Amino acid sequence: MPDEPQEWSAPSDGSHDSSPGDSPDAAGGPERPDQTASWTVEDQQQPRRARSDNDFGRTVAFTIAGTAVPGLGLIAAKRRLVGGVILGVFVTLLLIVGLWAAVDLKGLLSVAVRPAVLNTLAVGLIVLALIWVGVIVATHLALRRRPTGTQRAIGAVLVGVLAFAVAAPMAVGARYSYDQASLVNTVFKSDKNTKSATRPTLEAPQTAKGEAPDPWKDTPRVNILLLGGDAGPDRTGTRTDTVILASVDTQTGDTTLFSLPRNTGRMPFPTDSPLHKYYPNGFTNGDGNNAEFFLNAMYDNVPNSVPKDVIGETDNLGADALKLSVGTALGLKVDYYVLINLQGFAQMVNALGGITVNINTYIPMGGNTDLHIPPKKYLKPGPDQHLNGNQALWYARGRYGSDDFARMDRQRCVINAIIKQANPTNMLARYEQIAKASKDIIRTDIPQEALPLFVDLSLRVKDGNVRSIVFKHGVDGFSSPDPDFPLMRQRVKAALKETAATDGTSTGTASPSGSSSSGSKPSKPKKKPESEDVDKTCAFQPDVAATAQPAR
């Protein structure tokens, strides 16, 4: 008789005890396995779990790689056609931008001053961010294989983090592009939409075949009038207490600053200008000490005294009058002006993150010299003093117990400090604040069409020398109420040559002619230079600082 099939099962609760007679071994049956059925199920799941973990690790790795290099993850997921197209587009875009930067960096940077391009870029960045995030999600879904619940959750978090890492910079870039376009449109008007009687006509320079274009080839020098106005709710009109002409060599970026006292009298006009007919002896009523005919009163008072279109169509007759007069006084044609409202100057400095200057004397913060009211606070002497907006404003304007000329000296240092602070890294990190502050305080006749040229010029200025002349009453033949304008023009010519002759290591003793002094006789004294090196002038002077006392 055939043997009956033998059956067995693992005890479920250990409550049943088999007798020796019930044992299959005792009956001569097959030997019972010494593992339970539950152990056999776990043993079968181990390889599957190992495979799942390996698949998920690969999914994570290629999801990250596909985020850094779009298309790479899809290719790994065997979506080769789609992945190849995306990868090709990504690499092409990188090559275009890279080659553009290598071949024409100035042209690439000029995008930052083209509103139409900036607005398009803002939209493009948003669209690119959405596409990139979509690629990340698609890559992860294409890569994963039968994920567990835990793996799904981890994958969702990973995709979210990667999407944010891609979208956030794109969103910031889009916002910066929009803000910059708004800034350019607000501050810089189109040449077609603005009128100026003194602004030069822009012309494309002629270049030889195969020669790299130089936007300033036919313009050896550009002169920009920097004006600091004190317009505010508690004042009538605008008094330009700060008048500085910045003359820039367009080839080297070397810059010479000419500072004129606010109380300069008898400011002249060109003989061929209609304004000369109204002011044949300069902007004066015959009294060089009449404050209503000082240089700082010209911006308001000339437009109130002559016909609006006396020199032609213009949006700002006061600024055009200043350009003509300052240019005549110094013997330079003034191309553009930039007026900064000093009431908003503190905001600008704060947006930049402050400025760093050397302080050699106690600088008053407040006070009234005429009423003999001393200031309650002072900026104390010390090297590398980092000033916030309010402190920088008083550094540039404080004059209790001092005079306008000491203030003019410090204003040069402020300009120099702002140039240094406005480095690309700082500008990028604080751009939104800077753009917002700039909208409210700047007025200029520089047209939008010229901005790409000034991007190129700004790069040259950063590497150029900066020297200056401060015209001070009673010094070197200058008299505020009755200036010797021919002498001033001679000093200007000499200063321009000195700036051109000064290299980065010069001590600022170049002769006005710019020639070498190596052939001069040792006994012959060197002629005193007309201009000063701004870095040297603004350096910390320990001996002066040690003996400084606050004015009381």
Protein backbone atom coordinates (compact mmCIF):
# COMPACT_ATOMS: atom_id res chain seq x y z
CA MET A 1 0.00 0.00 0.00
CA PRO A 2 1.47 3.31 -0.99
CA ASP A 3 2.64 5.62 1.70
CA GLU A 4 0.29 8.45 2.67
CA PRO A 5 1.67 11.88 1.95
CA GLN A 6 3.19 13.39 5.05
CA GLU A 7 2.00 16.83 6.18
CA TRP A 8 3.29 19.16 8.91
CA SER A 9 2.85 22.69 10.08
CA ALA A 10 4.72 24.98 12.40
CA PRO A 11 3.11 25.36 15.82
CA SER A 12 1.33 28.65 16.05
CA ASP A 13 1.35 29.30 19.77
CA GLY A 14 3.43 26.56 21.35
CA SER A 15 0.36 25.27 23.34
CA HIS A 16 0.26 21.86 21.67
CA ASP A 17 2.90 19.37 22.75
CA SER A 18 3.38 16.40 20.39
CA SER A 19 3.97 13.08 21.94
CA PRO A 20 6.87 10.98 20.89
CA GLY A 21 4.51 8.73 19.06
CA ASP A 22 3.16 11.51 16.96
CA SER A 23 6.59 12.48 15.72
CA PRO A 24 7.17 11.91 12.01
CA ASP A 25 10.64 10.71 12.87
CA ALA A 26 9.22 8.06 15.09
CA ALA A 27 6.87 6.95 12.32
CA GLY A 28 9.70 6.76 9.88
CA GLY A 29 8.38 9.73 7.85
CA PRO A 30 10.38 12.53 6.30
CA GLU A 31 12.45 14.75 8.50
CA ARG A 32 10.72 18.04 9.45
CA PRO A 33 12.58 21.21 8.56
CA ASP A 34 14.02 23.02 11.54
CA GLN A 35 12.89 26.53 10.25
CA THR A 36 9.40 27.93 10.51
CA ALA A 37 7.34 29.13 7.56
CA SER A 38 7.70 32.78 8.63
CA TRP A 39 11.47 32.60 8.34
CA THR A 40 11.10 31.35 4.77
CA VAL A 41 9.05 34.47 3.71
CA GLU A 42 11.67 36.94 5.06
CA ASP A 43 14.39 34.99 3.33
CA GLN A 44 12.57 35.38 0.03
CA GLN A 45 12.08 39.20 0.56
CA GLN A 46 15.73 40.04 1.25
CA PRO A 47 16.96 40.04 -2.39
CA ARG A 48 13.93 42.10 -3.43
CA ARG A 49 14.62 44.75 -0.78
CA ALA A 50 18.26 44.90 -1.74
CA ARG A 51 17.34 45.45 -5.37
CA SER A 52 14.84 48.15 -4.38
CA ASP A 53 17.44 49.98 -2.27
CA ASN A 54 19.96 49.83 -5.09
CA ASP A 55 17.39 51.15 -7.59
CA PHE A 56 16.44 54.01 -5.27
CA GLY A 57 20.06 55.00 -4.69
CA ARG A 58 20.55 55.15 -8.45
CA THR A 59 17.36 57.19 -8.80
CA VAL A 60 18.57 59.73 -6.24
CA ALA A 61 22.00 60.02 -7.81
CA PHE A 62 20.73 60.58 -11.35
CA THR A 63 17.97 62.91 -10.20
CA ILE A 64 20.62 65.15 -8.67
CA ALA A 65 22.86 64.79 -11.73
CA GLY A 66 19.91 65.52 -14.01
CA THR A 67 19.23 68.70 -12.07
CA ALA A 68 22.80 69.95 -12.45
CA VAL A 69 22.94 68.87 -16.10
CA PRO A 70 19.37 68.77 -17.50
CA GLY A 71 18.77 65.78 -19.74
CA LEU A 72 21.44 63.56 -18.18
CA GLY A 73 18.98 61.83 -15.84
CA LEU A 74 16.49 61.19 -18.65
CA ILE A 75 19.21 59.57 -20.73
CA ALA A 76 20.04 57.30 -17.76
CA ALA A 77 16.32 56.42 -17.58
CA LYS A 78 16.49 55.33 -21.24
CA ARG A 79 14.54 58.37 -22.44
CA ARG A 80 17.42 59.06 -24.78
CA LEU A 81 15.68 61.19 -27.41
CA VAL A 82 14.05 63.63 -25.02
CA GLY A 83 17.09 63.66 -22.74
CA GLY A 84 19.45 64.26 -25.64
CA VAL A 85 17.43 67.21 -26.92
CA ILE A 86 17.28 68.82 -23.46
CA LEU A 87 20.98 68.22 -22.85
CA GLY A 88 21.83 69.66 -26.26
CA VAL A 89 19.82 72.82 -25.61
CA PHE A 90 21.43 73.24 -22.17
CA VAL A 91 24.97 72.84 -23.48
CA THR A 92 24.25 75.20 -26.40
CA LEU A 93 23.00 77.92 -24.05
CA LEU A 94 26.08 77.54 -21.86
CA LEU A 95 28.37 77.79 -24.87
CA ILE A 96 26.61 80.89 -26.20
CA VAL A 97 26.84 82.73 -22.88
CA GLY A 98 30.41 81.56 -22.28
CA LEU A 99 31.62 82.60 -25.73
CA TRP A 100 29.80 85.92 -25.46
CA ALA A 101 31.50 86.62 -22.14
CA ALA A 102 34.90 85.60 -23.52
CA VAL A 103 34.62 87.53 -26.78
CA ASP A 104 32.55 90.57 -25.76
CA LEU A 105 32.19 90.88 -21.99
CA LYS A 106 31.31 94.57 -22.27
CA GLY A 107 28.53 93.74 -24.70
CA LEU A 108 27.16 91.13 -22.32
CA LEU A 109 27.25 93.56 -19.41
CA SER A 110 25.45 96.18 -21.50
CA VAL A 111 22.34 94.00 -21.31
CA ALA A 112 21.96 95.41 -17.78
CA VAL A 113 21.09 98.86 -19.20
CA ARG A 114 18.66 97.82 -21.94
CA PRO A 115 15.10 97.87 -20.51
CA ALA A 116 13.48 95.93 -23.36
CA VAL A 117 16.08 93.17 -23.09
CA LEU A 118 15.80 93.15 -19.29
CA ASN A 119 12.02 92.72 -19.37
CA THR A 120 12.37 89.91 -21.89
CA LEU A 121 15.03 88.34 -19.71
CA ALA A 122 12.76 88.50 -16.66
CA VAL A 123 10.02 86.58 -18.49
CA GLY A 124 12.56 84.19 -19.97
CA LEU A 125 14.01 83.33 -16.56
CA ILE A 126 10.56 82.49 -15.19
CA VAL A 127 9.78 80.26 -18.18
CA LEU A 128 13.20 78.62 -17.91
CA ALA A 129 12.65 77.97 -14.20
CA LEU A 130 9.31 76.25 -14.88
CA ILE A 131 10.82 74.10 -17.62
CA TRP A 132 13.80 73.18 -15.45
CA VAL A 133 11.55 72.18 -12.55
CA GLY A 134 9.47 70.10 -14.95
CA VAL A 135 12.62 68.33 -16.14
CA ILE A 136 13.56 67.53 -12.52
CA VAL A 137 10.15 66.00 -11.81
CA ALA A 138 10.09 64.04 -15.09
CA THR A 139 13.62 62.76 -14.49
CA HIS A 140 12.78 61.43 -11.03
CA LEU A 141 9.57 59.73 -12.18
CA ALA A 142 11.32 58.13 -15.15
CA LEU A 143 14.12 56.75 -12.97
CA ARG A 144 12.27 55.24 -10.02
CA ARG A 145 11.19 51.55 -9.97
CA ARG A 146 8.52 50.22 -7.59
CA PRO A 147 9.40 52.54 -4.71
CA THR A 148 8.26 51.82 -1.20
CA GLY A 149 6.17 54.33 0.70
CA THR A 150 9.24 55.62 2.50
CA GLN A 151 11.13 55.99 -0.75
CA ARG A 152 8.23 57.92 -2.29
CA ALA A 153 8.31 60.37 0.61
CA ILE A 154 12.09 60.80 0.41
CA GLY A 155 11.88 61.26 -3.36
CA ALA A 156 9.20 63.94 -3.01
CA VAL A 157 11.34 65.86 -0.53
CA LEU A 158 14.39 65.52 -2.78
CA VAL A 159 12.52 66.81 -5.83
CA GLY A 160 11.14 69.73 -3.81
CA VAL A 161 14.57 70.73 -2.56
CA LEU A 162 16.13 70.49 -6.02
CA ALA A 163 13.27 72.42 -7.60
CA PHE A 164 13.66 75.19 -5.03
CA ALA A 165 17.43 75.27 -5.57
CA VAL A 166 16.81 75.88 -9.28
CA ALA A 167 13.73 78.11 -9.14
CA ALA A 168 14.85 80.47 -6.35
CA PRO A 169 17.90 81.92 -8.16
CA MET A 170 15.84 82.21 -11.34
CA ALA A 171 13.13 84.10 -9.46
CA VAL A 172 15.70 86.45 -7.93
CA GLY A 173 17.28 87.01 -11.34
CA ALA A 174 13.87 87.78 -12.85
CA ARG A 175 13.12 90.25 -10.06
CA TYR A 176 16.50 91.96 -10.46
CA SER A 177 15.95 92.22 -14.22
CA TYR A 178 12.55 93.81 -13.68
CA ASP A 179 13.91 96.22 -11.05
CA GLN A 180 16.81 97.22 -13.28
CA ALA A 181 14.51 97.85 -16.24
CA SER A 182 12.32 100.00 -14.01
CA LEU A 183 15.37 101.91 -12.71
CA VAL A 184 16.70 102.61 -16.20
CA ASN A 185 13.29 103.76 -17.44
CA THR A 186 12.81 106.01 -14.40
CA VAL A 187 16.22 107.68 -14.22
CA PHE A 188 17.43 107.55 -17.82
CA LYS A 189 15.00 108.74 -20.46
CA SER A 190 15.23 107.97 -24.13
CA ASP A 191 16.99 110.53 -26.30
CA LYS A 192 13.80 110.82 -28.36
CA ASN A 193 11.64 111.55 -25.32
CA THR A 194 13.85 114.17 -23.67
CA LYS A 195 15.21 117.55 -24.65
CA SER A 196 18.57 119.08 -23.85
CA ALA A 197 20.22 122.15 -25.32
CA THR A 198 23.71 121.03 -24.32
CA ARG A 199 23.77 117.24 -24.69
CA PRO A 200 26.11 115.87 -27.40
CA THR A 201 24.77 113.93 -30.36
CA LEU A 202 25.61 110.23 -30.27
CA GLU A 203 27.37 108.88 -33.34
CA ALA A 204 28.72 105.41 -34.02
CA PRO A 205 32.54 105.47 -34.26
CA GLN A 206 34.22 104.52 -37.52
CA THR A 207 36.37 101.38 -37.29
CA ALA A 208 38.67 99.75 -39.78
CA LYS A 209 37.79 96.36 -41.19
CA GLY A 210 38.64 93.62 -38.71
CA GLU A 211 39.26 96.12 -35.92
CA ALA A 212 37.46 95.61 -32.62
CA PRO A 213 34.89 98.41 -32.21
CA ASP A 214 35.69 101.01 -29.58
CA PRO A 215 32.60 103.05 -28.65
CA TRP A 216 34.78 105.94 -27.44
CA LYS A 217 37.25 105.95 -30.33
CA ASP A 218 36.15 109.36 -31.61
CA THR A 219 35.54 110.81 -28.12
CA PRO A 220 38.85 111.20 -26.27
CA ARG A 221 37.27 112.72 -23.17
CA VAL A 222 33.82 112.84 -21.56
CA ASN A 223 32.99 115.47 -18.94
CA ILE A 224 30.19 114.89 -16.45
CA LEU A 225 28.95 117.56 -14.06
CA LEU A 226 28.15 116.10 -10.64
CA LEU A 227 25.69 118.21 -8.68
CA GLY A 228 24.55 117.75 -5.10
CA GLY A 229 21.24 119.47 -4.45
CA ASP A 230 19.62 120.16 -1.10
CA ALA A 231 15.99 120.20 -2.20
CA GLY A 232 13.61 119.11 0.53
CA PRO A 233 10.23 119.77 2.13
CA ASP A 234 11.70 122.51 4.34
CA ARG A 235 13.50 124.31 1.47
CA THR A 236 12.45 126.39 -1.53
CA GLY A 237 13.94 125.24 -4.82
CA THR A 238 17.26 123.48 -5.22
CA ARG A 239 20.63 124.90 -4.20
CA THR A 240 23.50 122.96 -5.75
CA ASP A 241 25.96 123.18 -2.87
CA THR A 242 28.13 120.48 -4.44
CA VAL A 243 29.54 121.21 -7.91
CA ILE A 244 32.19 118.80 -9.19
CA LEU A 245 33.21 118.27 -12.79
CA ALA A 246 34.49 114.76 -13.49
CA SER A 247 36.66 114.69 -16.60
CA VAL A 248 37.29 111.13 -17.80
CA ASP A 249 39.88 109.99 -20.32
CA THR A 250 37.83 107.48 -22.32
CA GLN A 251 40.84 105.39 -23.33
CA THR A 252 42.49 104.91 -19.94
CA GLY A 253 39.67 105.63 -17.50
CA ASP A 254 41.86 108.21 -15.73
CA THR A 255 39.59 110.71 -13.98
CA THR A 256 40.22 114.24 -12.76
CA LEU A 257 37.75 115.89 -10.38
CA PHE A 258 37.40 119.68 -10.29
CA SER A 259 35.55 121.02 -7.25
CA LEU A 260 34.15 124.53 -7.29
CA PRO A 261 33.04 126.38 -4.15
CA ARG A 262 29.31 126.92 -3.89
CA ASN A 263 29.89 130.67 -3.33
CA THR A 264 31.86 131.19 -6.54
CA GLY A 265 30.75 134.46 -8.12
CA ARG A 266 30.71 135.96 -11.61
CA MET A 267 30.39 132.56 -13.33
CA PRO A 268 30.81 133.18 -17.10
CA PHE A 269 28.83 131.97 -20.12
CA PRO A 270 30.16 131.29 -23.64
CA THR A 271 30.27 134.41 -25.76
CA ASP A 272 28.19 132.70 -28.47
CA SER A 273 25.48 131.63 -26.01
CA PRO A 274 22.24 133.62 -25.71
CA LEU A 275 22.83 133.58 -21.94
CA HIS A 276 25.87 135.79 -22.47
CA LYS A 277 23.55 138.55 -23.65
CA TYR A 278 21.69 138.39 -20.33
CA TYR A 279 24.87 138.06 -18.28
CA PRO A 280 27.70 139.73 -20.26
CA ASN A 281 29.82 140.03 -17.10
CA GLY A 282 28.96 136.58 -15.85
CA PHE A 283 26.23 135.51 -13.45
CA THR A 284 26.41 138.59 -11.22
CA ASN A 285 24.73 141.83 -10.37
CA GLY A 286 28.11 143.43 -9.87
CA ASP A 287 28.52 142.28 -6.28
CA GLY A 288 30.60 139.10 -6.10
CA ASN A 289 29.39 138.49 -2.55
CA ASN A 290 25.67 138.50 -3.33
CA ALA A 291 24.42 135.01 -2.42
CA GLU A 292 21.65 135.15 -5.03
CA PHE A 293 24.33 135.20 -7.70
CA PHE A 294 26.58 132.50 -6.29
CA LEU A 295 27.25 129.34 -8.27
CA ASN A 296 24.85 127.33 -6.11
CA ALA A 297 21.99 129.75 -6.91
CA MET A 298 22.33 129.42 -10.67
CA TYR A 299 20.24 126.22 -10.96
CA ASP A 300 17.15 128.01 -9.64
CA ASN A 301 17.70 131.67 -10.43
CA VAL A 302 18.72 131.57 -14.10
CA PRO A 303 15.49 129.81 -15.22
CA ASN A 304 13.52 132.39 -13.23
CA SER A 305 15.25 135.30 -15.00
CA VAL A 306 15.34 134.33 -18.68
CA PRO A 307 12.93 132.85 -21.26
CA LYS A 308 12.44 129.09 -20.95
CA ASP A 309 13.74 128.35 -24.47
CA VAL A 310 16.50 130.97 -24.47
CA ILE A 311 19.15 128.39 -25.40
CA GLY A 312 16.81 126.00 -27.20
CA GLU A 313 14.43 123.27 -26.16
CA THR A 314 15.38 121.76 -22.83
CA ASP A 315 13.80 119.84 -19.96
CA ASN A 316 16.11 121.42 -17.38
CA LEU A 317 17.29 124.94 -18.13
CA GLY A 318 19.00 125.25 -14.74
CA ALA A 319 21.21 122.23 -15.39
CA ASP A 320 22.01 123.34 -18.94
CA ALA A 321 22.98 126.80 -17.66
CA LEU A 322 25.31 125.22 -15.10
CA LYS A 323 26.88 122.99 -17.76
CA LEU A 324 27.58 125.96 -20.03
CA SER A 325 28.92 128.13 -17.21
CA VAL A 326 31.12 125.53 -15.48
CA GLY A 327 32.46 124.41 -18.86
CA THR A 328 33.38 127.99 -19.75
CA ALA A 329 35.01 128.61 -16.39
CA LEU A 330 37.19 125.50 -16.64
CA GLY A 331 37.77 125.44 -20.40
CA LEU A 332 36.06 122.07 -20.91
CA LYS A 333 32.88 121.22 -22.76
CA VAL A 334 30.47 119.59 -20.31
CA ASP A 335 28.65 116.66 -21.90
CA TYR A 336 26.23 115.47 -19.24
CA TYR A 337 25.08 116.23 -15.71
CA VAL A 338 23.99 114.05 -12.80
CA LEU A 339 22.04 115.72 -9.99
CA ILE A 340 21.83 113.85 -6.69
CA ASN A 341 19.32 114.95 -4.09
CA LEU A 342 21.34 115.00 -0.89
CA GLN A 343 18.16 114.40 1.13
CA GLY A 344 18.20 110.88 -0.31
CA PHE A 345 21.97 110.46 -0.25
CA ALA A 346 21.85 108.64 3.09
CA GLN A 347 19.48 106.08 1.60
CA MET A 348 21.90 105.42 -1.23
CA VAL A 349 24.84 104.90 1.12
CA ASN A 350 22.77 102.57 3.31
CA ALA A 351 21.76 100.62 0.21
CA LEU A 352 25.46 100.18 -0.60
CA GLY A 353 26.05 98.87 2.91
CA GLY A 354 27.86 102.03 4.03
CA ILE A 355 31.20 103.46 2.95
CA THR A 356 34.67 103.34 4.49
CA VAL A 357 36.73 106.53 4.87
CA ASN A 358 39.66 107.83 6.90
CA ILE A 359 38.81 110.60 9.37
CA ASN A 360 41.62 112.93 10.46
CA THR A 361 39.64 115.54 12.38
CA TYR A 362 36.44 115.70 14.39
CA ILE A 363 33.55 116.03 11.93
CA PRO A 364 30.45 117.81 13.33
CA MET A 365 27.08 116.11 13.03
CA GLY A 366 24.76 119.09 13.17
CA GLY A 367 25.27 122.48 14.71
CA ASN A 368 24.88 125.97 13.26
CA THR A 369 27.94 128.15 12.83
CA ASP A 370 25.99 131.37 12.21
CA LEU A 371 23.86 130.92 15.35
CA HIS A 372 26.80 129.60 17.38
CA ILE A 373 24.94 126.38 18.18
CA PRO A 374 27.53 123.60 18.63
CA PRO A 375 26.81 120.06 17.43
CA LYS A 376 25.85 117.41 19.95
CA LYS A 377 27.74 114.63 18.16
CA TYR A 378 30.97 114.27 16.19
CA LEU A 379 32.54 111.69 13.94
CA LYS A 380 35.80 110.90 15.71
CA PRO A 381 39.20 110.61 14.01
CA GLY A 382 40.40 107.16 13.01
CA PRO A 383 41.47 105.04 10.05
CA ASP A 384 39.03 102.99 7.97
CA GLN A 385 35.88 104.30 9.62
CA HIS A 386 32.80 102.54 8.25
CA LEU A 387 29.94 105.04 8.03
CA ASN A 388 26.23 104.47 7.58
CA GLY A 389 24.12 106.77 5.41
CA ASN A 390 23.46 109.45 8.01
CA GLN A 391 27.09 109.52 9.13
CA ALA A 392 28.31 109.69 5.51
CA LEU A 393 25.97 112.61 4.84
CA TRP A 394 27.42 114.58 7.76
CA TYR A 395 30.94 113.59 6.76
CA ALA A 396 30.27 115.15 3.35
CA ARG A 397 28.35 118.21 4.59
CA GLY A 398 29.36 119.00 8.19
CA ARG A 399 31.15 122.34 8.47
CA TYR A 400 30.58 123.69 11.99
CA GLY A 401 33.83 125.33 13.08
CA SER A 402 35.24 124.67 9.61
CA ASP A 403 34.58 125.99 6.11
CA ASP A 404 33.25 125.00 2.70
CA PHE A 405 36.72 124.05 1.48
CA ALA A 406 37.28 121.40 4.15
CA ARG A 407 33.88 120.03 3.24
CA MET A 408 34.81 119.98 -0.46
CA ASP A 409 37.94 118.00 0.42
CA ARG A 410 35.83 115.40 2.18
CA GLN A 411 33.35 115.20 -0.68
CA ARG A 412 36.14 113.98 -2.94
CA CYS A 413 36.81 111.22 -0.43
CA VAL A 414 33.12 110.28 -0.42
CA ILE A 415 33.10 109.94 -4.21
CA ASN A 416 36.25 107.81 -4.07
CA ALA A 417 34.76 105.63 -1.32
CA ILE A 418 31.55 105.08 -3.29
CA ILE A 419 33.54 104.03 -6.37
CA LYS A 420 35.34 101.43 -4.26
CA GLN A 421 32.18 100.27 -2.50
CA ALA A 422 30.26 99.87 -5.75
CA ASN A 423 32.13 96.67 -6.68
CA PRO A 424 30.26 93.98 -8.66
CA THR A 425 29.89 91.60 -5.69
CA ASN A 426 28.41 94.25 -3.42
CA MET A 427 26.18 95.67 -6.15
CA LEU A 428 24.75 92.22 -6.86
CA ALA A 429 24.17 91.34 -3.22
CA ARG A 430 22.41 94.67 -2.49
CA TYR A 431 21.00 95.42 -5.89
CA GLU A 432 17.32 95.72 -5.00
CA GLN A 433 18.00 98.27 -2.25
CA ILE A 434 20.37 100.22 -4.49
CA ALA A 435 17.89 100.32 -7.36
CA LYS A 436 15.09 101.51 -5.09
CA ALA A 437 17.22 104.25 -3.55
CA SER A 438 18.58 105.43 -6.92
CA LYS A 439 15.12 106.02 -8.39
CA ASP A 440 14.29 108.66 -5.84
CA ILE A 441 17.46 110.75 -5.76
CA ILE A 442 19.00 110.92 -9.25
CA ARG A 443 18.21 113.17 -12.19
CA THR A 444 20.35 113.23 -15.32
CA ASP A 445 20.39 114.00 -19.04
CA ILE A 446 22.37 110.87 -19.92
CA PRO A 447 20.07 109.09 -22.40
CA GLN A 448 19.27 105.40 -22.35
CA GLU A 449 20.96 105.00 -25.71
CA ALA A 450 24.30 106.05 -24.19
CA LEU A 451 24.20 103.66 -21.24
CA PRO A 452 25.92 100.72 -23.00
CA LEU A 453 28.82 103.09 -23.73
CA PHE A 454 29.01 104.09 -20.07
CA VAL A 455 29.10 100.42 -19.02
CA ASP A 456 32.25 100.11 -21.10
CA LEU A 457 33.62 103.36 -19.66
CA SER A 458 32.89 102.37 -16.05
CA LEU A 459 35.13 99.31 -16.43
CA ARG A 460 37.96 101.58 -17.54
CA VAL A 461 37.36 104.06 -14.71
CA LYS A 462 37.63 101.28 -12.11
CA ASP A 463 41.21 100.67 -13.28
CA GLY A 464 42.16 104.29 -13.87
CA ASN A 465 43.84 106.96 -11.74
CA VAL A 466 41.84 109.57 -9.86
CA ARG A 467 43.27 113.02 -9.15
CA SER A 468 41.56 116.26 -8.22
CA ILE A 469 41.70 120.01 -7.80
CA VAL A 470 39.73 121.87 -5.15
CA PHE A 471 39.56 125.56 -5.93
CA LYS A 472 39.97 127.26 -2.56
CA HIS A 473 39.58 130.94 -1.84
CA GLY A 474 42.99 132.56 -1.32
CA VAL A 475 44.95 129.52 -2.55
CA ASP A 476 46.91 129.42 -5.82
CA GLY A 477 45.40 132.68 -7.05
CA PHE A 478 41.76 131.69 -6.71
CA SER A 479 39.24 134.18 -5.31
CA SER A 480 35.63 133.05 -4.84
CA PRO A 481 33.95 136.45 -5.38
CA ASP A 482 36.18 137.39 -8.32
CA PRO A 483 37.80 134.30 -9.91
CA ASP A 484 40.66 134.51 -12.38
CA PHE A 485 39.15 132.22 -15.02
CA PRO A 486 42.15 132.17 -17.42
CA LEU A 487 44.33 131.01 -14.51
CA MET A 488 41.75 128.36 -13.60
CA ARG A 489 41.83 127.02 -17.16
CA GLN A 490 45.61 126.80 -17.07
CA ARG A 491 45.43 124.76 -13.87
CA VAL A 492 42.82 122.47 -15.43
CA LYS A 493 45.03 121.74 -18.45
CA ALA A 494 48.00 121.02 -16.21
CA ALA A 495 45.94 118.74 -13.97
CA LEU A 496 44.68 116.68 -16.92
CA LYS A 497 48.26 116.09 -18.06
CA GLU A 498 49.29 115.12 -14.53
CA THR A 499 46.53 112.53 -14.32
CA ALA A 500 47.55 111.06 -17.66
CA ALA A 501 51.21 110.92 -16.58
CA THR A 502 50.47 109.20 -13.27
CA ASP A 503 50.67 105.42 -13.11
CA GLY A 504 49.37 103.19 -10.35
CA THR A 505 52.56 103.54 -8.30
CA SER A 506 53.19 107.24 -8.76
CA THR A 507 53.42 109.53 -5.79
CA GLY A 508 51.64 112.27 -7.66
CA THR A 509 54.61 114.51 -8.43
CA ALA A 510 54.41 114.40 -12.19
CA SER A 511 55.03 117.69 -13.92
CA PRO A 512 52.13 119.40 -15.70
CA SER A 513 53.60 118.53 -19.07
CA GLY A 514 53.66 114.88 -18.15
CA SER A 515 57.31 114.56 -19.21
CA SER A 516 59.94 112.69 -17.29
CA SER A 517 62.04 114.63 -14.81
CA SER A 518 65.01 112.29 -15.14
CA GLY A 519 66.83 114.79 -17.35
CA SER A 520 66.26 117.82 -15.14
CA LYS A 521 69.04 119.34 -13.09
CA PRO A 522 69.15 118.14 -9.47
CA SER A 523 69.31 121.71 -8.20
CA LYS A 524 66.19 122.79 -10.06
CA PRO A 525 63.14 122.55 -7.77
CA LYS A 526 60.19 120.54 -8.97
CA LYS A 527 57.14 122.52 -9.85
CA LYS A 528 54.27 122.01 -7.43
CA PRO A 529 51.64 119.79 -9.10
CA GLU A 530 48.27 121.39 -9.73
CA SER A 531 46.25 118.30 -8.84
CA GLU A 532 46.28 115.89 -5.93
CA ASP A 533 46.09 112.12 -5.79
CA VAL A 534 42.72 111.40 -4.17
CA ASP A 535 43.91 108.23 -2.43
CA LYS A 536 46.80 110.15 -0.90
CA THR A 537 44.64 113.14 0.03
CA CYS A 538 42.08 110.89 1.71
CA ALA A 539 44.66 108.77 3.55
CA PHE A 540 44.76 108.61 7.34
CA GLN A 541 47.18 111.08 8.93
CA PRO A 542 48.04 109.91 12.46
CA ASP A 543 49.84 113.13 13.43
CA VAL A 544 46.85 115.27 12.46
CA ALA A 545 44.38 112.94 14.12
CA ALA A 546 46.39 112.85 17.37
CA THR A 547 46.16 116.61 17.82
CA ALA A 548 42.60 117.08 16.55
CA GLN A 549 40.03 118.70 18.84
CA PRO A 550 36.27 119.08 18.34
CA ALA A 551 35.12 122.61 17.51
CA ARG A 552 33.13 124.20 20.34
